[in-house]
PDB file of all heavy atoms in Angstrom:
ATOM      1  N   ASP A   1       0.808  -1.233   0.000  1.00  0.00           N
ATOM      2  CA  ASP A   1       0.000   0.000   0.000  1.00  0.00           C
ATOM      3  C   ASP A   1       0.833   1.271   0.000  1.00  0.00           C
ATOM      4  O   ASP A   1       0.271   2.357   0.059  1.00  0.00           O
ATOM      5  CB  ASP A   1      -0.918   0.007   1.230  1.00  0.00           C
ATOM      6  CG  ASP A   1      -0.125   0.087   2.538  1.00  0.00           C
ATOM      7  OD1 ASP A   1       0.649  -0.840   2.807  1.00  0.00           O
ATOM      8  OD2 ASP A   1      -0.272   1.077   3.270  1.00  0.00           O
ATOM      9  N   THR A   2       2.166   1.146  -0.092  1.00  0.00           N
ATOM     10  CA  THR A   2       3.024   2.334  -0.022  1.00  0.00           C
ATOM     11  C   THR A   2       3.953   2.413  -1.229  1.00  0.00           C
ATOM     12  O   THR A   2       4.248   1.409  -1.892  1.00  0.00           O
ATOM     13  CB  THR A   2       3.886   2.327   1.253  1.00  0.00           C
ATOM     14  OG1 THR A   2       4.928   1.342   1.117  1.00  0.00           O
ATOM     15  CG2 THR A   2       3.052   2.041   2.486  1.00  0.00           C
ATOM     16  N   THR A   3       4.469   3.621  -1.450  1.00  0.00           N
ATOM     17  CA  THR A   3       5.438   3.801  -2.525  1.00  0.00           C
ATOM     18  C   THR A   3       6.700   2.986  -2.262  1.00  0.00           C
ATOM     19  O   THR A   3       7.335   2.509  -3.212  1.00  0.00           O
ATOM     20  CB  THR A   3       5.811   5.283  -2.674  1.00  0.00           C
ATOM     21  OG1 THR A   3       6.343   5.781  -1.434  1.00  0.00           O
ATOM     22  CG2 THR A   3       4.586   6.112  -3.056  1.00  0.00           C
ATOM     23  N   TYR A   4       7.048   2.806  -1.003  1.00  0.00           N
ATOM     24  CA  TYR A   4       8.237   2.019  -0.688  1.00  0.00           C
ATOM     25  C   TYR A   4       8.039   0.540  -1.003  1.00  0.00           C
ATOM     26  O   TYR A   4       8.992  -0.151  -1.381  1.00  0.00           O
ATOM     27  CB  TYR A   4       8.621   2.203   0.787  1.00  0.00           C
ATOM     28  CG  TYR A   4       9.408   3.463   1.054  1.00  0.00           C
ATOM     29  CD1 TYR A   4       9.464   4.499   0.120  1.00  0.00           C
ATOM     30  CD2 TYR A   4      10.095   3.635   2.239  1.00  0.00           C
ATOM     31  CE1 TYR A   4      10.178   5.659   0.364  1.00  0.00           C
ATOM     32  CE2 TYR A   4      10.825   4.798   2.496  1.00  0.00           C
ATOM     33  CZ  TYR A   4      10.860   5.798   1.551  1.00  0.00           C
ATOM     34  OH  TYR A   4      11.578   6.936   1.806  1.00  0.00           O
ATOM     35  N   ASP A   5       6.810   0.036  -0.875  1.00  0.00           N
ATOM     36  CA  ASP A   5       6.527  -1.335  -1.297  1.00  0.00           C
ATOM     37  C   ASP A   5       6.749  -1.480  -2.798  1.00  0.00           C
ATOM     38  O   ASP A   5       7.331  -2.466  -3.266  1.00  0.00           O
ATOM     39  CB  ASP A   5       5.067  -1.701  -0.974  1.00  0.00           C
ATOM     40  CG  ASP A   5       4.796  -1.847   0.507  1.00  0.00           C
ATOM     41  OD1 ASP A   5       5.482  -2.644   1.160  1.00  0.00           O
ATOM     42  OD2 ASP A   5       3.885  -1.173   1.015  1.00  0.00           O
ATOM     43  N   VAL A   6       6.248  -0.498  -3.547  1.00  0.00           N
ATOM     44  CA  VAL A   6       6.403  -0.522  -5.002  1.00  0.00           C
ATOM     45  C   VAL A   6       7.878  -0.479  -5.383  1.00  0.00           C
ATOM     46  O   VAL A   6       8.364  -1.281  -6.196  1.00  0.00           O
ATOM     47  CB  VAL A   6       5.639   0.646  -5.650  1.00  0.00           C
ATOM     48  CG1 VAL A   6       5.968   0.736  -7.141  1.00  0.00           C
ATOM     49  CG2 VAL A   6       4.141   0.496  -5.443  1.00  0.00           C
ATOM     50  N   LEU A   7       8.631   0.446  -4.793  1.00  0.00           N
ATOM     51  CA  LEU A   7      10.049   0.570  -5.101  1.00  0.00           C
ATOM     52  C   LEU A   7      10.821  -0.691  -4.745  1.00  0.00           C
ATOM     53  O   LEU A   7      11.711  -1.126  -5.486  1.00  0.00           O
ATOM     54  CB  LEU A   7      10.635   1.768  -4.356  1.00  0.00           C
ATOM     55  CG  LEU A   7      10.220   3.143  -4.878  1.00  0.00           C
ATOM     56  CD1 LEU A   7      10.686   4.236  -3.920  1.00  0.00           C
ATOM     57  CD2 LEU A   7      10.779   3.385  -6.269  1.00  0.00           C
ATOM     58  N   CYS A   8      10.488  -1.295  -3.631  1.00  0.00           N
ATOM     59  CA  CYS A   8      11.136  -2.541  -3.216  1.00  0.00           C
ATOM     60  C   CYS A   8      10.950  -3.617  -4.275  1.00  0.00           C
ATOM     61  O   CYS A   8      11.909  -4.296  -4.671  1.00  0.00           O
ATOM     62  CB  CYS A   8      10.569  -2.989  -1.871  1.00  0.00           C
ATOM     63  SG  CYS A   8      11.283  -4.516  -1.206  1.00  0.00           S
ATOM     64  N   GLY A   9       9.719  -3.770  -4.766  1.00  0.00           N
ATOM     65  CA  GLY A   9       9.449  -4.763  -5.793  1.00  0.00           C
ATOM     66  C   GLY A   9      10.179  -4.467  -7.087  1.00  0.00           C
ATOM     67  O   GLY A   9      10.796  -5.359  -7.698  1.00  0.00           O
ATOM     68  N   LEU A  10      10.137  -3.223  -7.529  1.00  0.00           N
ATOM     69  CA  LEU A  10      10.796  -2.850  -8.781  1.00  0.00           C
ATOM     70  C   LEU A  10      12.306  -3.038  -8.688  1.00  0.00           C
ATOM     71  O   LEU A  10      12.945  -3.553  -9.619  1.00  0.00           O
ATOM     72  CB  LEU A  10      10.473  -1.395  -9.115  1.00  0.00           C
ATOM     73  CG  LEU A  10       9.018  -1.080  -9.489  1.00  0.00           C
ATOM     74  CD1 LEU A  10       8.829   0.429  -9.633  1.00  0.00           C
ATOM     75  CD2 LEU A  10       8.610  -1.793 -10.774  1.00  0.00           C
ATOM     76  N   ARG A  11      12.899  -2.620  -7.582  1.00  0.00           N
ATOM     77  CA  ARG A  11      14.352  -2.729  -7.438  1.00  0.00           C
ATOM     78  C   ARG A  11      14.815  -4.177  -7.350  1.00  0.00           C
ATOM     79  O   ARG A  11      15.968  -4.486  -7.676  1.00  0.00           O
ATOM     80  CB  ARG A  11      14.804  -1.947  -6.203  1.00  0.00           C
ATOM     81  CG  ARG A  11      14.655  -0.440  -6.381  1.00  0.00           C
ATOM     82  CD  ARG A  11      14.966   0.316  -5.104  1.00  0.00           C
ATOM     83  NE  ARG A  11      14.874   1.763  -5.312  1.00  0.00           N
ATOM     84  CZ  ARG A  11      15.101   2.664  -4.382  1.00  0.00           C
ATOM     85  NH1 ARG A  11      15.437   2.272  -3.152  1.00  0.00           N
ATOM     86  NH2 ARG A  11      14.987   3.957  -4.646  1.00  0.00           N
ATOM     87  N   ALA A  12      13.926  -5.060  -6.902  1.00  0.00           N
ATOM     88  CA  ALA A  12      14.259  -6.485  -6.843  1.00  0.00           C
ATOM     89  C   ALA A  12      14.099  -7.170  -8.190  1.00  0.00           C
ATOM     90  O   ALA A  12      14.513  -8.315  -8.353  1.00  0.00           O
ATOM     91  CB  ALA A  12      13.380  -7.182  -5.805  1.00  0.00           C
ATOM     92  N   GLY A  13      13.488  -6.472  -9.161  1.00  0.00           N
ATOM     93  CA  GLY A  13      13.294  -7.062 -10.480  1.00  0.00           C
ATOM     94  C   GLY A  13      12.006  -7.835 -10.639  1.00  0.00           C
ATOM     95  O   GLY A  13      11.856  -8.607 -11.600  1.00  0.00           O
ATOM     96  N   ALA A  14      11.066  -7.640  -9.724  1.00  0.00           N
ATOM     97  CA  ALA A  14       9.784  -8.364  -9.818  1.00  0.00           C
ATOM     98  C   ALA A  14       9.049  -8.004 -11.103  1.00  0.00           C
ATOM     99  O   ALA A  14       9.048  -6.854 -11.537  1.00  0.00           O
ATOM    100  CB  ALA A  14       8.911  -8.035  -8.609  1.00  0.00           C
ATOM    101  N   GLY A  15       8.399  -8.997 -11.697  1.00  0.00           N
ATOM    102  CA  GLY A  15       7.646  -8.757 -12.924  1.00  0.00           C
ATOM    103  C   GLY A  15       6.416  -7.912 -12.690  1.00  0.00           C
ATOM    104  O   GLY A  15       5.973  -7.180 -13.578  1.00  0.00           O
ATOM    105  N   ILE A  16       5.840  -8.021 -11.494  1.00  0.00           N
ATOM    106  CA  ILE A  16       4.682  -7.222 -11.105  1.00  0.00           C
ATOM    107  C   ILE A  16       4.986  -6.562  -9.769  1.00  0.00           C
ATOM    108  O   ILE A  16       5.406  -7.236  -8.827  1.00  0.00           O
ATOM    109  CB  ILE A  16       3.417  -8.095 -10.990  1.00  0.00           C
ATOM    110  CG1 ILE A  16       2.992  -8.604 -12.364  1.00  0.00           C
ATOM    111  CG2 ILE A  16       2.265  -7.324 -10.323  1.00  0.00           C
ATOM    112  CD1 ILE A  16       1.839  -9.594 -12.328  1.00  0.00           C
ATOM    113  N   ALA A  17       4.806  -5.253  -9.707  1.00  0.00           N
ATOM    114  CA  ALA A  17       4.953  -4.504  -8.453  1.00  0.00           C
ATOM    115  C   ALA A  17       3.686  -3.673  -8.297  1.00  0.00           C
ATOM    116  O   ALA A  17       3.603  -2.544  -8.776  1.00  0.00           O
ATOM    117  CB  ALA A  17       6.194  -3.624  -8.469  1.00  0.00           C
ATOM    118  N   ALA A  18       2.689  -4.271  -7.654  1.00  0.00           N
ATOM    119  CA  ALA A  18       1.362  -3.661  -7.566  1.00  0.00           C
ATOM    120  C   ALA A  18       1.216  -2.815  -6.317  1.00  0.00           C
ATOM    121  O   ALA A  18       1.760  -3.142  -5.254  1.00  0.00           O
ATOM    122  CB  ALA A  18       0.281  -4.747  -7.576  1.00  0.00           C
ATOM    123  N   GLY A  19       0.465  -1.739  -6.448  1.00  0.00           N
ATOM    124  CA  GLY A  19       0.057  -0.949  -5.304  1.00  0.00           C
ATOM    125  C   GLY A  19      -1.406  -1.214  -5.001  1.00  0.00           C
ATOM    126  O   GLY A  19      -2.187  -1.485  -5.921  1.00  0.00           O
ATOM    127  N   VAL A  20      -1.769  -1.162  -3.729  1.00  0.00           N
ATOM    128  CA  VAL A  20      -3.163  -1.338  -3.332  1.00  0.00           C
ATOM    129  C   VAL A  20      -3.625  -0.098  -2.569  1.00  0.00           C
ATOM    130  O   VAL A  20      -2.826   0.590  -1.938  1.00  0.00           O
ATOM    131  CB  VAL A  20      -3.378  -2.613  -2.479  1.00  0.00           C
ATOM    132  CG1 VAL A  20      -2.987  -3.856  -3.251  1.00  0.00           C
ATOM    133  CG2 VAL A  20      -2.594  -2.537  -1.173  1.00  0.00           C
ATOM    134  N   LEU A  21      -4.929   0.151  -2.647  1.00  0.00           N
ATOM    135  CA  LEU A  21      -5.488   1.406  -2.129  1.00  0.00           C
ATOM    136  C   LEU A  21      -6.172   1.257  -0.772  1.00  0.00           C
ATOM    137  O   LEU A  21      -7.062   2.022  -0.439  1.00  0.00           O
ATOM    138  CB  LEU A  21      -6.469   1.985  -3.153  1.00  0.00           C
ATOM    139  CG  LEU A  21      -5.851   2.334  -4.510  1.00  0.00           C
ATOM    140  CD1 LEU A  21      -6.929   2.775  -5.497  1.00  0.00           C
ATOM    141  CD2 LEU A  21      -4.787   3.408  -4.355  1.00  0.00           C
ATOM    142  N   THR A  22      -5.728   0.289   0.017  1.00  0.00           N
ATOM    143  CA  THR A  22      -6.348   0.047   1.322  1.00  0.00           C
ATOM    144  C   THR A  22      -5.497   0.571   2.475  1.00  0.00           C
ATOM    145  O   THR A  22      -5.790   0.280   3.635  1.00  0.00           O
ATOM    146  CB  THR A  22      -6.589  -1.462   1.522  1.00  0.00           C
ATOM    147  OG1 THR A  22      -5.366  -2.176   1.230  1.00  0.00           O
ATOM    148  CG2 THR A  22      -7.701  -1.962   0.624  1.00  0.00           C
ATOM    149  N   GLY A  23      -4.447   1.328   2.146  1.00  0.00           N
ATOM    150  CA  GLY A  23      -3.545   1.754   3.207  1.00  0.00           C
ATOM    151  C   GLY A  23      -3.083   3.182   3.093  1.00  0.00           C
ATOM    152  O   GLY A  23      -3.877   4.099   2.903  1.00  0.00           O
ATOM    153  N   ALA A  24      -1.778   3.392   3.123  1.00  0.00           N
ATOM    154  CA  ALA A  24      -1.206   4.712   3.365  1.00  0.00           C
ATOM    155  C   ALA A  24      -1.234   5.655   2.171  1.00  0.00           C
ATOM    156  O   ALA A  24      -1.477   6.848   2.339  1.00  0.00           O
ATOM    157  CB  ALA A  24       0.231   4.553   3.855  1.00  0.00           C
ATOM    158  N   HIS A  25      -0.952   5.173   0.968  1.00  0.00           N
ATOM    159  CA  HIS A  25      -0.719   6.063  -0.162  1.00  0.00           C
ATOM    160  C   HIS A  25      -1.786   5.925  -1.242  1.00  0.00           C
ATOM    161  O   HIS A  25      -2.365   4.847  -1.435  1.00  0.00           O
ATOM    162  CB  HIS A  25       0.671   5.820  -0.737  1.00  0.00           C
ATOM    163  CG  HIS A  25       1.772   6.197   0.204  1.00  0.00           C
ATOM    164  ND1 HIS A  25       3.042   5.681   0.151  1.00  0.00           N
ATOM    165  CD2 HIS A  25       1.770   7.064   1.269  1.00  0.00           C
ATOM    166  CE1 HIS A  25       3.780   6.204   1.116  1.00  0.00           C
ATOM    167  NE2 HIS A  25       3.025   7.040   1.808  1.00  0.00           N
ATOM    168  N   ASP A  26      -2.035   7.028  -1.949  1.00  0.00           N
ATOM    169  CA  ASP A  26      -3.108   7.057  -2.937  1.00  0.00           C
ATOM    170  C   ASP A  26      -2.608   6.628  -4.318  1.00  0.00           C
ATOM    171  O   ASP A  26      -1.417   6.359  -4.530  1.00  0.00           O
ATOM    172  CB  ASP A  26      -3.766   8.435  -2.997  1.00  0.00           C
ATOM    173  CG  ASP A  26      -2.803   9.545  -3.426  1.00  0.00           C
ATOM    174  OD1 ASP A  26      -1.717   9.239  -3.966  1.00  0.00           O
ATOM    175  OD2 ASP A  26      -3.157  10.723  -3.217  1.00  0.00           O
ATOM    176  N   GLU A  27      -3.551   6.584  -5.264  1.00  0.00           N
ATOM    177  CA  GLU A  27      -3.222   6.080  -6.593  1.00  0.00           C
ATOM    178  C   GLU A  27      -2.138   6.909  -7.268  1.00  0.00           C
ATOM    179  O   GLU A  27      -1.221   6.363  -7.904  1.00  0.00           O
ATOM    180  CB  GLU A  27      -4.479   6.053  -7.466  1.00  0.00           C
ATOM    181  CG  GLU A  27      -4.219   5.527  -8.868  1.00  0.00           C
ATOM    182  CD  GLU A  27      -5.476   5.339  -9.680  1.00  0.00           C
ATOM    183  OE1 GLU A  27      -6.576   5.583  -9.153  1.00  0.00           O
ATOM    184  OE2 GLU A  27      -5.348   4.934 -10.857  1.00  0.00           O
ATOM    185  N   ALA A  28      -2.232   8.228  -7.151  1.00  0.00           N
ATOM    186  CA  ALA A  28      -1.252   9.088  -7.801  1.00  0.00           C
ATOM    187  C   ALA A  28       0.162   8.798  -7.288  1.00  0.00           C
ATOM    188  O   ALA A  28       1.115   8.719  -8.076  1.00  0.00           O
ATOM    189  CB  ALA A  28      -1.611  10.550  -7.572  1.00  0.00           C
ATOM    190  N   ALA A  29       0.303   8.642  -5.981  1.00  0.00           N
ATOM    191  CA  ALA A  29       1.622   8.370  -5.400  1.00  0.00           C
ATOM    192  C   ALA A  29       2.141   7.002  -5.840  1.00  0.00           C
ATOM    193  O   ALA A  29       3.325   6.854  -6.176  1.00  0.00           O
ATOM    194  CB  ALA A  29       1.549   8.445  -3.880  1.00  0.00           C
ATOM    195  N   LEU A  30       1.275   6.006  -5.857  1.00  0.00           N
ATOM    196  CA  LEU A  30       1.692   4.660  -6.237  1.00  0.00           C
ATOM    197  C   LEU A  30       2.106   4.617  -7.704  1.00  0.00           C
ATOM    198  O   LEU A  30       3.115   3.991  -8.062  1.00  0.00           O
ATOM    199  CB  LEU A  30       0.563   3.664  -5.961  1.00  0.00           C
ATOM    200  CG  LEU A  30       0.197   3.485  -4.479  1.00  0.00           C
ATOM    201  CD1 LEU A  30      -1.091   2.692  -4.349  1.00  0.00           C
ATOM    202  CD2 LEU A  30       1.326   2.807  -3.704  1.00  0.00           C
ATOM    203  N   ARG A  31       1.358   5.289  -8.554  1.00  0.00           N
ATOM    204  CA  ARG A  31       1.722   5.321  -9.980  1.00  0.00           C
ATOM    205  C   ARG A  31       3.012   6.097 -10.193  1.00  0.00           C
ATOM    206  O   ARG A  31       3.855   5.709 -11.011  1.00  0.00           O
ATOM    207  CB  ARG A  31       0.583   5.910 -10.802  1.00  0.00           C
ATOM    208  CG  ARG A  31      -0.647   5.016 -10.866  1.00  0.00           C
ATOM    209  CD  ARG A  31      -1.566   5.364 -12.029  1.00  0.00           C
ATOM    210  NE  ARG A  31      -2.773   4.540 -12.008  1.00  0.00           N
ATOM    211  CZ  ARG A  31      -2.833   3.279 -12.465  1.00  0.00           C
ATOM    212  NH1 ARG A  31      -1.750   2.722 -12.988  1.00  0.00           N
ATOM    213  NH2 ARG A  31      -3.968   2.616 -12.421  1.00  0.00           N
ATOM    214  N   ALA A  32       3.188   7.179  -9.459  1.00  0.00           N
ATOM    215  CA  ALA A  32       4.416   7.959  -9.580  1.00  0.00           C
ATOM    216  C   ALA A  32       5.639   7.138  -9.170  1.00  0.00           C
ATOM    217  O   ALA A  32       6.745   7.355  -9.691  1.00  0.00           O
ATOM    218  CB  ALA A  32       4.319   9.222  -8.735  1.00  0.00           C
ATOM    219  N   ALA A  33       5.445   6.204  -8.250  1.00  0.00           N
ATOM    220  CA  ALA A  33       6.540   5.336  -7.817  1.00  0.00           C
ATOM    221  C   ALA A  33       6.852   4.253  -8.838  1.00  0.00           C
ATOM    222  O   ALA A  33       7.870   3.564  -8.725  1.00  0.00           O
ATOM    223  CB  ALA A  33       6.201   4.698  -6.469  1.00  0.00           C
ATOM    224  N   GLY A  34       5.951   4.071  -9.825  1.00  0.00           N
ATOM    225  CA  GLY A  34       6.201   3.095 -10.874  1.00  0.00           C
ATOM    226  C   GLY A  34       5.392   1.817 -10.771  1.00  0.00           C
ATOM    227  O   GLY A  34       5.725   0.819 -11.430  1.00  0.00           O
ATOM    228  N   ALA A  35       4.321   1.825  -9.981  1.00  0.00           N
ATOM    229  CA  ALA A  35       3.507   0.614  -9.826  1.00  0.00           C
ATOM    230  C   ALA A  35       3.054   0.078 -11.184  1.00  0.00           C
ATOM    231  O   ALA A  35       2.589   0.837 -12.040  1.00  0.00           O
ATOM    232  CB  ALA A  35       2.283   0.907  -8.961  1.00  0.00           C
ATOM    233  N   THR A  36       3.220  -1.219 -11.379  1.00  0.00           N
ATOM    234  CA  THR A  36       2.768  -1.843 -12.625  1.00  0.00           C
ATOM    235  C   THR A  36       1.253  -1.976 -12.658  1.00  0.00           C
ATOM    236  O   THR A  36       0.660  -2.019 -13.737  1.00  0.00           O
ATOM    237  CB  THR A  36       3.395  -3.227 -12.801  1.00  0.00           C
ATOM    238  OG1 THR A  36       3.012  -4.071 -11.693  1.00  0.00           O
ATOM    239  CG2 THR A  36       4.919  -3.140 -12.855  1.00  0.00           C
ATOM    240  N   HIS A  37       0.649  -2.060 -11.487  1.00  0.00           N
ATOM    241  CA  HIS A  37      -0.806  -2.146 -11.335  1.00  0.00           C
ATOM    242  C   HIS A  37      -1.186  -1.350 -10.087  1.00  0.00           C
ATOM    243  O   HIS A  37      -0.413  -1.306  -9.130  1.00  0.00           O
ATOM    244  CB  HIS A  37      -1.289  -3.589 -11.119  1.00  0.00           C
ATOM    245  CG  HIS A  37      -0.918  -4.545 -12.216  1.00  0.00           C
ATOM    246  ND1 HIS A  37       0.382  -4.933 -12.451  1.00  0.00           N
ATOM    247  CD2 HIS A  37      -1.701  -5.208 -13.128  1.00  0.00           C
ATOM    248  CE1 HIS A  37       0.396  -5.790 -13.466  1.00  0.00           C
ATOM    249  NE2 HIS A  37      -0.838  -5.969 -13.888  1.00  0.00           N
TER     250      HIS A  37
END
């Protein structure tokens, strides 16, 4: 649910680094971090 979750996934090379909207950060922040979904 955070931009740091998204960055962690992307930096590890995960094929999917999804953000979810049930927690701390909103859609704009998650997309700005590079969320694949």
